[in-house]
PDB file of N, CA and C in Angstrom:
ATOM      1  N   UNK A   1       0.827  -1.089   0.620  1.00  0.00           N
ATOM      2  CA  UNK A   1      -0.050   0.143  -0.355  1.00  0.00           C
ATOM      3  C   UNK A   1       1.092   1.307  -0.057  1.00  0.00           C
ATOM      4  N   UNK A   2       0.430   2.087  -0.536  1.00  0.00           N
ATOM      5  CA  UNK A   2       1.293   3.229  -0.463  1.00  0.00           C
ATOM      6  C   UNK A   2       0.228   4.677  -0.261  1.00  0.00           C
ATOM      7  N   UNK A   3       0.786   5.365   0.683  1.00  0.00           N
ATOM      8  CA  UNK A   3      -0.001   6.620   0.691  1.00  0.00           C
ATOM      9  C   UNK A   3      -0.705   7.730  -0.532  1.00  0.00           C
ATOM     10  N   UNK A   4      -1.684   8.333  -0.296  1.00  0.00           N
ATOM     11  CA  UNK A   4      -2.293   9.484  -1.143  1.00  0.00           C
ATOM     12  C   UNK A   4      -1.347   9.644  -2.473  1.00  0.00           C
ATOM     13  N   UNK A   5      -0.122   9.953  -1.987  1.00  0.00           N
ATOM     14  CA  UNK A   5       0.622  11.172  -2.731  1.00  0.00           C
ATOM     15  C   UNK A   5       1.262   9.979  -3.357  1.00  0.00           C
ATOM     16  N   UNK A   6       1.791   8.479  -3.466  1.00  0.00           N
ATOM     17  CA  UNK A   6       2.418   7.755  -3.538  1.00  0.00           C
ATOM     18  C   UNK A   6       3.305   8.165  -3.536  1.00  0.00           C
ATOM     19  N   UNK A   7       4.088   7.908  -2.663  1.00  0.00           N
ATOM     20  CA  UNK A   7       5.854   8.592  -2.084  1.00  0.00           C
ATOM     21  C   UNK A   7       6.084   7.187  -1.577  1.00  0.00           C
ATOM     22  N   UNK A   8       5.134   6.778  -0.094  1.00  0.00           N
ATOM     23  CA  UNK A   8       5.223   5.542   0.017  1.00  0.00           C
ATOM     24  C   UNK A   8       4.564   4.901   0.437  1.00  0.00           C
ATOM     25  N   UNK A   9       5.723   3.857   0.349  1.00  0.00           N
ATOM     26  CA  UNK A   9       5.251   2.155   0.746  1.00  0.00           C
ATOM     27  C   UNK A   9       5.080   1.748   2.146  1.00  0.00           C
ATOM     28  N   UNK A  10       3.948   0.880   1.880  1.00  0.00           N
ATOM     29  CA  UNK A  10       3.673  -0.159   4.091  1.00  0.00           C
ATOM     30  C   UNK A  10       3.383  -1.137   3.449  1.00  0.00           C
ATOM     31  N   UNK A  11       3.578  -1.531   4.501  1.00  0.00           N
ATOM     32  CA  UNK A  11       3.953  -3.368   4.595  1.00  0.00           C
ATOM     33  C   UNK A  11       2.731  -3.089   5.115  1.00  0.00           C
ATOM     34  N   UNK A  12       1.868  -4.540   4.437  1.00  0.00           N
ATOM     35  CA  UNK A  12       0.798  -5.816   4.224  1.00  0.00           C
ATOM     36  C   UNK A  12       1.067  -6.714   4.635  1.00  0.00           C
ATOM     37  N   UNK A  13      -0.183  -7.315   5.703  1.00  0.00           N
ATOM     38  CA  UNK A  13      -0.130  -8.746   5.620  1.00  0.00           C
ATOM     39  C   UNK A  13      -0.050  -9.541   4.028  1.00  0.00           C
ATOM     40  N   UNK A  14       0.963 -10.185   3.499  1.00  0.00           N
ATOM     41  CA  UNK A  14       1.299 -10.801   2.539  1.00  0.00           C
ATOM     42  C   UNK A  14      -0.387 -11.729   2.095  1.00  0.00           C
ATOM     43  N   UNK A  15      -0.787 -12.142   0.922  1.00  0.00           N
ATOM     44  CA  UNK A  15      -1.865 -13.170   0.550  1.00  0.00           C
ATOM     45  C   UNK A  15      -1.381 -14.636  -0.165  1.00  0.00           C
ATOM     46  N   UNK A  16      -2.228 -15.308   0.104  1.00  0.00           N
ATOM     47  CA  UNK A  16      -1.399 -16.409  -0.174  1.00  0.00           C
ATOM     48  C   UNK A  16      -2.433 -16.354  -1.687  1.00  0.00           C
ATOM     49  N   UNK A  17      -1.037 -17.279  -2.855  1.00  0.00           N
ATOM     50  CA  UNK A  17      -1.544 -16.492  -4.213  1.00  0.00           C
ATOM     51  C   UNK A  17      -2.813 -17.983  -4.539  1.00  0.00           C
ATOM     52  N   UNK A  18      -3.736 -18.368  -3.982  1.00  0.00           N
ATOM     53  CA  UNK A  18      -4.426 -19.502  -4.069  1.00  0.00           C
ATOM     54  C   UNK A  18      -5.913 -19.335  -3.626  1.00  0.00           C
ATOM     55  N   UNK A  19      -7.018 -19.562  -3.783  1.00  0.00           N
ATOM     56  CA  UNK A  19      -8.148 -19.360  -4.101  1.00  0.00           C
ATOM     57  C   UNK A  19      -8.730 -18.790  -4.420  1.00  0.00           C
ATOM     58  N   UNK A  20      -9.978 -17.829  -4.099  1.00  0.00           N
ATOM     59  CA  UNK A  20     -10.257 -16.692  -4.412  1.00  0.00           C
ATOM     60  C   UNK A  20     -10.134 -15.300  -5.037  1.00  0.00           C
ATOM     61  N   UNK A  21      -9.135 -15.475  -5.029  1.00  0.00           N
ATOM     62  CA  UNK A  21      -7.919 -14.296  -5.154  1.00  0.00           C
ATOM     63  C   UNK A  21      -9.102 -13.017  -5.870  1.00  0.00           C
ATOM     64  N   UNK A  22      -9.845 -13.669  -6.981  1.00  0.00           N
ATOM     65  CA  UNK A  22     -10.193 -12.412  -8.045  1.00  0.00           C
ATOM     66  C   UNK A  22     -11.438 -11.446  -6.343  1.00  0.00           C
ATOM     67  N   UNK A  23     -11.887 -12.441  -5.771  1.00  0.00           N
ATOM     68  CA  UNK A  23     -12.460 -11.931  -4.717  1.00  0.00           C
ATOM     69  C   UNK A  23     -12.157 -11.242  -4.445  1.00  0.00           C
ATOM     70  N   UNK A  24     -11.215 -11.104  -2.983  1.00  0.00           N
ATOM     71  CA  UNK A  24     -10.015 -10.996  -2.080  1.00  0.00           C
ATOM     72  C   UNK A  24      -9.696  -9.599  -2.974  1.00  0.00           C
ATOM     73  N   UNK A  25      -9.130  -9.298  -4.561  1.00  0.00           N
ATOM     74  CA  UNK A  25      -8.666  -8.070  -4.462  1.00  0.00           C
ATOM     75  C   UNK A  25      -9.391  -7.077  -5.181  1.00  0.00           C
ATOM     76  N   UNK A  26     -10.494  -7.691  -5.822  1.00  0.00           N
ATOM     77  CA  UNK A  26     -12.208  -6.759  -5.697  1.00  0.00           C
ATOM     78  C   UNK A  26     -12.162  -6.067  -4.536  1.00  0.00           C
ATOM     79  N   UNK A  27     -12.123  -7.315  -3.129  1.00  0.00           N
ATOM     80  CA  UNK A  27     -12.779  -6.202  -1.938  1.00  0.00           C
ATOM     81  C   UNK A  27     -11.256  -5.472  -1.241  1.00  0.00           C
ATOM     82  N   UNK A  28     -10.662  -5.362  -1.819  1.00  0.00           N
ATOM     83  CA  UNK A  28      -8.879  -4.669  -1.413  1.00  0.00           C
ATOM     84  C   UNK A  28      -9.381  -3.500  -1.783  1.00  0.00           C
ATOM     85  N   UNK A  29      -9.913  -3.852  -3.462  1.00  0.00           N
ATOM     86  CA  UNK A  29      -9.991  -2.102  -4.035  1.00  0.00           C
ATOM     87  C   UNK A  29     -10.966  -1.802  -3.604  1.00  0.00           C
ATOM     88  N   UNK A  30     -12.025  -1.897  -3.498  1.00  0.00           N
ATOM     89  CA  UNK A  30     -13.084  -1.728  -3.146  1.00  0.00           C
ATOM     90  C   UNK A  30     -13.045  -0.868  -1.377  1.00  0.00           C
ATOM     91  N   UNK A  31     -12.497  -1.639  -0.432  1.00  0.00           N
ATOM     92  CA  UNK A  31     -12.304  -1.072   1.199  1.00  0.00           C
ATOM     93  C   UNK A  31     -10.684  -0.214   1.415  1.00  0.00           C
ATOM     94  N   UNK A  32      -9.984  -0.230   0.423  1.00  0.00           N
ATOM     95  CA  UNK A  32      -8.970   0.583   0.165  1.00  0.00           C
ATOM     96  C   UNK A  32      -8.598   1.721  -0.272  1.00  0.00           C
ATOM     97  N   UNK A  33      -9.643   1.944  -1.245  1.00  0.00           N
ATOM     98  CA  UNK A  33      -9.731   2.810  -2.698  1.00  0.00           C
ATOM     99  C   UNK A  33      -8.819   2.967  -3.234  1.00  0.00           C
ATOM    100  N   UNK A  34      -8.129   1.726  -4.011  1.00  0.00           N
ATOM    101  CA  UNK A  34      -7.028   1.155  -4.698  1.00  0.00           C
ATOM    102  C   UNK A  34      -7.322   1.752  -5.730  1.00  0.00           C
ATOM    103  N   UNK A  35      -5.504   2.342  -6.431  1.00  0.00           N
ATOM    104  CA  UNK A  35      -6.686   3.255  -8.158  1.00  0.00           C
ATOM    105  C   UNK A  35      -5.617   2.460  -9.118  1.00  0.00           C
ATOM    106  N   UNK A  36      -4.519   1.493  -8.551  1.00  0.00           N
ATOM    107  CA  UNK A  36      -3.571   0.882  -9.111  1.00  0.00           C
ATOM    108  C   UNK A  36      -2.948  -0.364  -8.105  1.00  0.00           C
ATOM    109  N   UNK A  37      -2.386  -1.334  -9.369  1.00  0.00           N
ATOM    110  CA  UNK A  37      -2.416  -2.306  -8.403  1.00  0.00           C
ATOM    111  C   UNK A  37      -0.904  -2.874  -9.344  1.00  0.00           C
ATOM    112  N   UNK A  38       0.230  -3.054  -8.242  1.00  0.00           N
ATOM    113  CA  UNK A  38       1.220  -3.459  -8.906  1.00  0.00           C
ATOM    114  C   UNK A  38       1.945  -4.814  -8.576  1.00  0.00           C
ATOM    115  N   UNK A  39       2.048  -5.944  -9.098  1.00  0.00           N
ATOM    116  CA  UNK A  39       2.601  -6.932  -9.185  1.00  0.00           C
ATOM    117  C   UNK A  39       4.050  -7.230  -9.850  1.00  0.00           C
ATOM    118  N   UNK A  40       4.877  -7.557  -8.763  1.00  0.00           N
ATOM    119  CA  UNK A  40       5.827  -8.275  -9.162  1.00  0.00           C
ATOM    120  C   UNK A  40       6.088  -9.124 -10.097  1.00  0.00           C
ATOM    121  N   UNK A  41       7.361  -9.049 -11.190  1.00  0.00           N
ATOM    122  CA  UNK A  41       7.446 -10.182 -11.874  1.00  0.00           C
ATOM    123  C   UNK A  41       8.627 -11.022 -12.522  1.00  0.00           C
ATOM    124  N   UNK A  42       8.518 -12.279 -11.194  1.00  0.00           N
ATOM    125  CA  UNK A  42       9.529 -12.865 -10.884  1.00  0.00           C
ATOM    126  C   UNK A  42      10.595 -13.583 -12.206  1.00  0.00           C
ATOM    127  N   UNK A  43      11.957 -13.249 -12.436  1.00  0.00           N
ATOM    128  CA  UNK A  43      12.370 -13.563 -13.534  1.00  0.00           C
ATOM    129  C   UNK A  43      13.816 -13.828 -13.005  1.00  0.00           C
ATOM    130  N   UNK A  44      14.753 -15.057 -13.629  1.00  0.00           N
ATOM    131  CA  UNK A  44      16.038 -15.613 -12.992  1.00  0.00           C
ATOM    132  C   UNK A  44      17.012 -13.804 -13.156  1.00  0.00           C
ATOM    133  N   UNK A  45      18.060 -14.175 -12.425  1.00  0.00           N
ATOM    134  CA  UNK A  45      18.767 -12.384 -12.373  1.00  0.00           C
ATOM    135  C   UNK A  45      19.386 -12.636 -13.881  1.00  0.00           C
ATOM    136  N   UNK A  46      19.616 -13.374 -14.938  1.00  0.00           N
ATOM    137  CA  UNK A  46      19.651 -12.962 -16.020  1.00  0.00           C
ATOM    138  C   UNK A  46      18.508 -12.126 -17.094  1.00  0.00           C
ATOM    139  N   UNK A  47      17.122 -12.825 -16.363  1.00  0.00           N
ATOM    140  CA  UNK A  47      15.549 -11.817 -16.804  1.00  0.00           C
ATOM    141  C   UNK A  47      15.349 -12.871 -17.984  1.00  0.00           C
ATOM    142  N   UNK A  48      15.653 -13.902 -17.304  1.00  0.00           N
ATOM    143  CA  UNK A  48      15.028 -14.991 -18.421  1.00  0.00           C
ATOM    144  C   UNK A  48      13.781 -15.484 -17.425  1.00  0.00           C
ATOM    145  N   UNK A  49      12.800 -15.957 -18.116  1.00  0.00           N
ATOM    146  CA  UNK A  49      11.041 -16.452 -16.659  1.00  0.00           C
ATOM    147  C   UNK A  49      11.908 -17.620 -16.937  1.00  0.00           C
ATOM    148  N   UNK A  50      10.751 -18.058 -15.311  1.00  0.00           N
ATOM    149  CA  UNK A  50      10.749 -19.338 -14.950  1.00  0.00           C
ATOM    150  C   UNK A  50       9.667 -19.605 -14.919  1.00  0.00           C
ATOM    151  N   UNK A  51       9.861 -20.842 -13.763  1.00  0.00           N
ATOM    152  CA  UNK A  51       7.646 -21.730 -13.803  1.00  0.00           C
ATOM    153  C   UNK A  51       7.652 -19.737 -12.692  1.00  0.00           C
ATOM    154  N   UNK A  52       8.040 -19.578 -12.057  1.00  0.00           N
ATOM    155  CA  UNK A  52       7.952 -18.207 -11.082  1.00  0.00           C
ATOM    156  C   UNK A  52       6.903 -17.708 -11.798  1.00  0.00           C
ATOM    157  N   UNK A  53       8.051 -16.987 -13.210  1.00  0.00           N
ATOM    158  CA  UNK A  53       7.297 -16.316 -14.058  1.00  0.00           C
ATOM    159  C   UNK A  53       6.197 -16.245 -14.302  1.00  0.00           C
ATOM    160  N   UNK A  54       5.621 -17.526 -14.870  1.00  0.00           N
ATOM    161  CA  UNK A  54       4.555 -18.041 -15.357  1.00  0.00           C
ATOM    162  C   UNK A  54       3.391 -17.816 -14.658  1.00  0.00           C
ATOM    163  N   UNK A  55       3.690 -18.352 -12.982  1.00  0.00           N
ATOM    164  CA  UNK A  55       2.839 -18.643 -12.317  1.00  0.00           C
ATOM    165  C   UNK A  55       2.079 -16.787 -12.062  1.00  0.00           C
ATOM    166  N   UNK A  56       3.227 -16.150 -11.901  1.00  0.00           N
ATOM    167  CA  UNK A  56       2.921 -14.369 -11.464  1.00  0.00           C
ATOM    168  C   UNK A  56       2.092 -14.092 -12.530  1.00  0.00           C
ATOM    169  N   UNK A  57       2.147 -14.192 -13.747  1.00  0.00           N
ATOM    170  CA  UNK A  57       1.686 -14.249 -14.968  1.00  0.00           C
ATOM    171  C   UNK A  57       0.376 -13.902 -15.011  1.00  0.00           C
ATOM    172  N   UNK A  58       0.202 -15.736 -14.396  1.00  0.00           N
ATOM    173  CA  UNK A  58      -1.053 -16.178 -14.363  1.00  0.00           C
ATOM    174  C   UNK A  58      -2.057 -15.846 -13.363  1.00  0.00           C
ATOM    175  N   UNK A  59      -1.234 -14.828 -12.176  1.00  0.00           N
ATOM    176  CA  UNK A  59      -2.232 -14.633 -11.455  1.00  0.00           C
ATOM    177  C   UNK A  59      -2.855 -13.040 -11.475  1.00  0.00           C
ATOM    178  N   UNK A  60      -1.421 -12.395 -12.162  1.00  0.00           N
ATOM    179  CA  UNK A  60      -1.696 -11.525 -12.695  1.00  0.00           C
ATOM    180  C   UNK A  60      -3.299 -10.838 -13.664  1.00  0.00           C
ATOM    181  N   UNK A  61      -3.061 -11.667 -14.501  1.00  0.00           N
ATOM    182  CA  UNK A  61      -4.244 -11.960 -15.759  1.00  0.00           C
ATOM    183  C   UNK A  61      -4.977 -11.920 -15.294  1.00  0.00           C
ATOM    184  N   UNK A  62      -5.742 -13.022 -13.989  1.00  0.00           N
ATOM    185  CA  UNK A  62      -6.672 -13.253 -12.744  1.00  0.00           C
ATOM    186  C   UNK A  62      -7.380 -11.818 -12.249  1.00  0.00           C
ATOM    187  N   UNK A  63      -6.025 -11.345 -11.584  1.00  0.00           N
ATOM    188  CA  UNK A  63      -6.390 -10.057 -10.659  1.00  0.00           C
ATOM    189  C   UNK A  63      -7.197  -8.688 -12.188  1.00  0.00           C
ATOM    190  N   UNK A  64      -6.078  -8.934 -12.845  1.00  0.00           N
ATOM    191  CA  UNK A  64      -6.817  -7.598 -14.146  1.00  0.00           C
ATOM    192  C   UNK A  64      -8.210  -7.720 -14.462  1.00  0.00           C
ATOM    193  N   UNK A  65      -8.388  -8.878 -14.851  1.00  0.00           N
ATOM    194  CA  UNK A  65      -9.538  -9.697 -15.177  1.00  0.00           C
ATOM    195  C   UNK A  65     -10.660  -9.445 -14.129  1.00  0.00           C
ATOM    196  N   UNK A  66     -10.002  -9.404 -13.047  1.00  0.00           N
ATOM    197  CA  UNK A  66     -11.253  -9.145 -11.652  1.00  0.00           C
ATOM    198  C   UNK A  66     -11.584  -7.761 -11.350  1.00  0.00           C
ATOM    199  N   UNK A  67     -10.641  -7.131 -12.002  1.00  0.00           N
ATOM    200  CA  UNK A  67     -10.981  -5.283 -11.400  1.00  0.00           C
ATOM    201  C   UNK A  67     -11.258  -4.373 -12.621  1.00  0.00           C
ATOM    202  N   UNK A  68     -10.813  -3.179 -12.545  1.00  0.00           N
ATOM    203  CA  UNK A  68     -10.971  -2.567 -12.988  1.00  0.00           C
ATOM    204  C   UNK A  68     -10.516  -1.079 -13.128  1.00  0.00           C
ATOM    205  N   UNK A  69      -9.285  -1.574 -12.177  1.00  0.00           N
ATOM    206  CA  UNK A  69      -8.212  -0.624 -12.063  1.00  0.00           C
ATOM    207  C   UNK A  69      -6.860  -1.389 -12.685  1.00  0.00           C
ATOM    208  N   UNK A  70      -6.199  -0.396 -13.357  1.00  0.00           N
ATOM    209  CA  UNK A  70      -4.722  -0.937 -14.001  1.00  0.00           C
ATOM    210  C   UNK A  70      -4.142  -1.612 -12.812  1.00  0.00           C
ATOM    211  N   UNK A  71      -3.752  -2.939 -13.545  1.00  0.00           N
ATOM    212  CA  UNK A  71      -2.731  -4.070 -13.128  1.00  0.00           C
ATOM    213  C   UNK A  71      -1.190  -4.069 -13.643  1.00  0.00           C
ATOM    214  N   UNK A  72      -0.379  -3.512 -13.155  1.00  0.00           N
ATOM    215  CA  UNK A  72       0.935  -3.116 -13.774  1.00  0.00           C
ATOM    216  C   UNK A  72       1.387  -4.393 -13.074  1.00  0.00           C
ATOM    217  N   UNK A  73       2.835  -4.326 -14.022  1.00  0.00           N
ATOM    218  CA  UNK A  73       3.524  -5.556 -13.825  1.00  0.00           C
ATOM    219  C   UNK A  73       5.010  -4.931 -14.025  1.00  0.00           C
ATOM    220  N   UNK A  74       6.253  -5.122 -12.539  1.00  0.00           N
ATOM    221  CA  UNK A  74       7.228  -4.619 -12.668  1.00  0.00           C
ATOM    222  C   UNK A  74       8.846  -5.786 -11.739  1.00  0.00           C
ATOM    223  N   UNK A  75       9.441  -5.601 -12.580  1.00  0.00           N
ATOM    224  CA  UNK A  75      10.702  -6.687 -12.347  1.00  0.00           C
ATOM    225  C   UNK A  75      10.868  -6.678 -10.682  1.00  0.00           C
ATOM    226  N   UNK A  76      11.223  -8.249 -10.876  1.00  0.00           N
ATOM    227  CA  UNK A  76      11.403  -8.001  -8.443  1.00  0.00           C
ATOM    228  C   UNK A  76      12.411  -8.556  -8.385  1.00  0.00           C
ATOM    229  N   UNK A  77      13.423  -8.883  -9.374  1.00  0.00           N
ATOM    230  CA  UNK A  77      14.557  -9.207  -9.021  1.00  0.00           C
ATOM    231  C   UNK A  77      15.497  -8.803  -7.538  1.00  0.00           C
ATOM    232  N   UNK A  78      15.571  -9.530  -7.003  1.00  0.00           N
ATOM    233  CA  UNK A  78      16.627  -8.936  -5.926  1.00  0.00           C
ATOM    234  C   UNK A  78      15.634  -8.484  -4.724  1.00  0.00           C
ATOM    235  N   UNK A  79      14.771  -8.321  -4.673  1.00  0.00           N
ATOM    236  CA  UNK A  79      13.276  -7.520  -3.938  1.00  0.00           C
ATOM    237  C   UNK A  79      13.496  -8.235  -2.519  1.00  0.00           C
ATOM    238  N   UNK A  80      13.802  -9.772  -2.220  1.00  0.00           N
ATOM    239  CA  UNK A  80      12.964 -10.884  -0.922  1.00  0.00           C
ATOM    240  C   UNK A  80      14.620 -10.252  -0.323  1.00  0.00           C
ATOM    241  N   UNK A  81      15.824 -10.660  -1.003  1.00  0.00           N
ATOM    242  CA  UNK A  81      17.338 -10.620  -1.007  1.00  0.00           C
ATOM    243  C   UNK A  81      17.051  -9.017  -0.051  1.00  0.00           C
ATOM    244  N   UNK A  82      16.647  -7.853  -0.523  1.00  0.00           N
ATOM    245  CA  UNK A  82      16.553  -6.237  -0.281  1.00  0.00           C
ATOM    246  C   UNK A  82      15.850  -6.384   0.847  1.00  0.00           C
ATOM    247  N   UNK A  83      14.704  -7.239   1.348  1.00  0.00           N
ATOM    248  CA  UNK A  83      13.258  -6.945   1.788  1.00  0.00           C
ATOM    249  C   UNK A  83      14.352  -7.659   2.988  1.00  0.00           C
ATOM    250  N   UNK A  84      15.179  -9.061   3.171  1.00  0.00           N
ATOM    251  CA  UNK A  84      15.168  -9.828   4.253  1.00  0.00           C
ATOM    252  C   UNK A  84      17.066  -8.882   5.125  1.00  0.00           C
ATOM    253  N   UNK A  85      17.317  -7.925   3.977  1.00  0.00           N
ATOM    254  CA  UNK A  85      18.467  -6.933   4.455  1.00  0.00           C
ATOM    255  C   UNK A  85      17.956  -6.181   5.324  1.00  0.00           C
ATOM    256  N   UNK A  86      17.201  -5.567   5.543  1.00  0.00           N
ATOM    257  CA  UNK A  86      16.632  -4.406   5.662  1.00  0.00           C
ATOM    258  C   UNK A  86      15.925  -4.885   7.057  1.00  0.00           C
ATOM    259  N   UNK A  87      15.461  -5.907   7.377  1.00  0.00           N
ATOM    260  CA  UNK A  87      14.634  -6.995   8.542  1.00  0.00           C
ATOM    261  C   UNK A  87      15.771  -7.024   9.052  1.00  0.00           C
ATOM    262  N   UNK A  88      16.893  -7.415   8.580  1.00  0.00           N
ATOM    263  CA  UNK A  88      18.365  -7.272   9.453  1.00  0.00           C
ATOM    264  C   UNK A  88      18.867  -6.614  10.341  1.00  0.00           C
ATOM    265  N   UNK A  89      18.321  -5.520   9.198  1.00  0.00           N
ATOM    266  CA  UNK A  89      19.088  -4.197   9.669  1.00  0.00           C
ATOM    267  C   UNK A  89      18.340  -3.551  10.534  1.00  0.00           C
ATOM    268  N   UNK A  90      17.293  -3.590  10.765  1.00  0.00           N
ATOM    269  CA  UNK A  90      15.730  -3.029  12.139  1.00  0.00           C
ATOM    270  C   UNK A  90      16.043  -4.315  13.021  1.00  0.00           C
ATOM    271  N   UNK A  91      17.042  -5.405  12.917  1.00  0.00           N
ATOM    272  CA  UNK A  91      16.932  -5.427  14.362  1.00  0.00           C
ATOM    273  C   UNK A  91      15.695  -7.193  14.247  1.00  0.00           C
ATOM    274  N   UNK A  92      14.904  -7.660  13.256  1.00  0.00           N
ATOM    275  CA  UNK A  92      14.223  -8.702  13.482  1.00  0.00           C
ATOM    276  C   UNK A  92      15.095  -9.823  13.451  1.00  0.00           C
ATOM    277  N   UNK A  93      13.934 -10.994  14.679  1.00  0.00           N
ATOM    278  CA  UNK A  93      15.112 -12.331  14.744  1.00  0.00           C
ATOM    279  C   UNK A  93      15.078 -13.433  13.006  1.00  0.00           C
ATOM    280  N   UNK A  94      14.972 -14.141  13.270  1.00  0.00           N
ATOM    281  CA  UNK A  94      15.275 -15.314  11.898  1.00  0.00           C
ATOM    282  C   UNK A  94      13.756 -15.073  11.934  1.00  0.00           C
ATOM    283  N   UNK A  95      13.287 -15.548  12.719  1.00  0.00           N
ATOM    284  CA  UNK A  95      12.048 -16.363  12.745  1.00  0.00           C
ATOM    285  C   UNK A  95      11.043 -15.177  12.090  1.00  0.00           C
ATOM    286  N   UNK A  96      11.248 -14.255  12.782  1.00  0.00           N
ATOM    287  CA  UNK A  96      10.421 -12.652  12.340  1.00  0.00           C
ATOM    288  C   UNK A  96      10.679 -12.323  11.459  1.00  0.00           C
ATOM    289  N   UNK A  97      11.843 -12.480  10.196  1.00  0.00           N
ATOM    290  CA  UNK A  97      12.511 -12.202   9.106  1.00  0.00           C
ATOM    291  C   UNK A  97      11.226 -12.983   7.759  1.00  0.00           C
ATOM    292  N   UNK A  98      11.881 -14.453   8.313  1.00  0.00           N
ATOM    293  CA  UNK A  98      10.560 -14.969   7.848  1.00  0.00           C
ATOM    294  C   UNK A  98       9.500 -15.140   7.787  1.00  0.00           C
ATOM    295  N   UNK A  99       8.822 -14.637   8.527  1.00  0.00           N
ATOM    296  CA  UNK A  99       7.351 -14.370   8.581  1.00  0.00           C
ATOM    297  C   UNK A  99       6.929 -13.183   8.069  1.00  0.00           C
ATOM    298  N   UNK A 100       8.099 -12.238   7.759  1.00  0.00           N
ATOM    299  CA  UNK A 100       7.358 -10.397   7.109  1.00  0.00           C
ATOM    300  C   UNK A 100       7.862 -10.652   6.010  1.00  0.00           C
ATOM    301  N   UNK A 101       8.953 -11.310   5.174  1.00  0.00           N
ATOM    302  CA  UNK A 101      10.458 -11.174   3.924  1.00  0.00           C
ATOM    303  C   UNK A 101       8.763 -10.782   3.148  1.00  0.00           C
ATOM    304  N   UNK A 102       7.994 -11.253   3.082  1.00  0.00           N
ATOM    305  CA  UNK A 102       7.147 -11.517   1.729  1.00  0.00           C
ATOM    306  C   UNK A 102       6.320  -9.824   1.661  1.00  0.00           C
ATOM    307  N   UNK A 103       5.666  -9.699   3.126  1.00  0.00           N
ATOM    308  CA  UNK A 103       4.774  -8.030   3.255  1.00  0.00           C
ATOM    309  C   UNK A 103       6.570  -7.034   2.783  1.00  0.00           C
ATOM    310  N   UNK A 104       7.570  -7.515   3.699  1.00  0.00           N
ATOM    311  CA  UNK A 104       8.193  -6.089   3.088  1.00  0.00           C
ATOM    312  C   UNK A 104       9.282  -5.964   1.595  1.00  0.00           C
ATOM    313  N   UNK A 105       9.329  -7.691   0.726  1.00  0.00           N
ATOM    314  CA  UNK A 105       9.781  -7.626  -0.149  1.00  0.00           C
ATOM    315  C   UNK A 105       8.621  -6.855  -1.245  1.00  0.00           C
ATOM    316  N   UNK A 106       7.409  -7.218  -0.577  1.00  0.00           N
ATOM    317  CA  UNK A 106       5.906  -6.050  -1.588  1.00  0.00           C
ATOM    318  C   UNK A 106       6.475  -4.843  -1.603  1.00  0.00           C
ATOM    319  N   UNK A 107       6.493  -4.394  -0.509  1.00  0.00           N
ATOM    320  CA  UNK A 107       7.144  -2.636  -0.368  1.00  0.00           C
ATOM    321  C   UNK A 107       8.210  -2.541  -1.270  1.00  0.00           C
ATOM    322  N   UNK A 108       9.587  -3.322  -1.348  1.00  0.00           N
ATOM    323  CA  UNK A 108      10.201  -3.415  -1.552  1.00  0.00           C
ATOM    324  C   UNK A 108      10.270  -3.203  -3.259  1.00  0.00           C
ATOM    325  N   UNK A 109       8.980  -3.827  -3.620  1.00  0.00           N
ATOM    326  CA  UNK A 109       8.678  -3.714  -5.635  1.00  0.00           C
ATOM    327  C   UNK A 109       7.789  -2.607  -5.334  1.00  0.00           C
ATOM    328  N   UNK A 110       6.977  -2.303  -4.668  1.00  0.00           N
ATOM    329  CA  UNK A 110       6.339  -0.869  -4.803  1.00  0.00           C
ATOM    330  C   UNK A 110       7.193   0.478  -4.643  1.00  0.00           C
ATOM    331  N   UNK A 111       7.927   0.233  -3.467  1.00  0.00           N
ATOM    332  CA  UNK A 111       9.215   1.626  -3.857  1.00  0.00           C
ATOM    333  C   UNK A 111       9.578   2.005  -4.669  1.00  0.00           C
ATOM    334  N   UNK A 112      10.551   0.838  -6.009  1.00  0.00           N
ATOM    335  CA  UNK A 112      10.600   1.285  -7.036  1.00  0.00           C
ATOM    336  C   UNK A 112       9.420   1.568  -8.004  1.00  0.00           C
ATOM    337  N   UNK A 113       8.429   0.820  -7.889  1.00  0.00           N
ATOM    338  CA  UNK A 113       7.590   1.477  -9.205  1.00  0.00           C
ATOM    339  C   UNK A 113       7.126   2.305  -8.785  1.00  0.00           C
ATOM    340  N   UNK A 114       7.316   2.884  -7.831  1.00  0.00           N
ATOM    341  CA  UNK A 114       6.726   4.523  -7.253  1.00  0.00           C
ATOM    342  C   UNK A 114       8.092   5.564  -7.659  1.00  0.00           C
ATOM    343  N   UNK A 115       9.312   4.850  -7.070  1.00  0.00           N
ATOM    344  CA  UNK A 115      10.222   5.603  -7.736  1.00  0.00           C
ATOM    345  C   UNK A 115      10.309   6.037  -9.024  1.00  0.00           C
ATOM    346  N   UNK A 116       9.801   4.755 -10.053  1.00  0.00           N
ATOM    347  CA  UNK A 116      10.099   4.964 -11.716  1.00  0.00           C
ATOM    348  C   UNK A 116       8.743   6.133 -11.807  1.00  0.00           C
ATOM    349  N   UNK A 117       7.787   6.245 -11.040  1.00  0.00           N
ATOM    350  CA  UNK A 117       6.635   6.405 -11.585  1.00  0.00           C
ATOM    351  C   UNK A 117       6.662   8.047 -11.137  1.00  0.00           C
ATOM    352  N   UNK A 118       7.380   8.766 -10.551  1.00  0.00           N
ATOM    353  CA  UNK A 118       7.255   9.931 -10.121  1.00  0.00           C
ATOM    354  C   UNK A 118       7.653  11.751 -11.457  1.00  0.00           C
TER     355      UNK A 118
END
């Protein structure tokens, strides 16, 4: 999530990419007054697509079909590494890091998108 000026990214609990993701996305868009969704696109370090890329593309397509706002994709290479480093530097224990890393990586992804769109 970001602020209304699209300046800062804030963590939110991560969702499992299974079940009725379409309804979850629609409800979140309505409840939070969201006007764009940014989804990370996992590729290998060389930029090649992987099995995870296909899964993320399918998830983005499902969400895009379910909502009436834009769904944008952004390269998410090394975001989990960056998020883990940030959590470690913030003093979180190993188990807390593992519990929070997906939400923290989502913030890194959104921060990159926000920076690219200022």
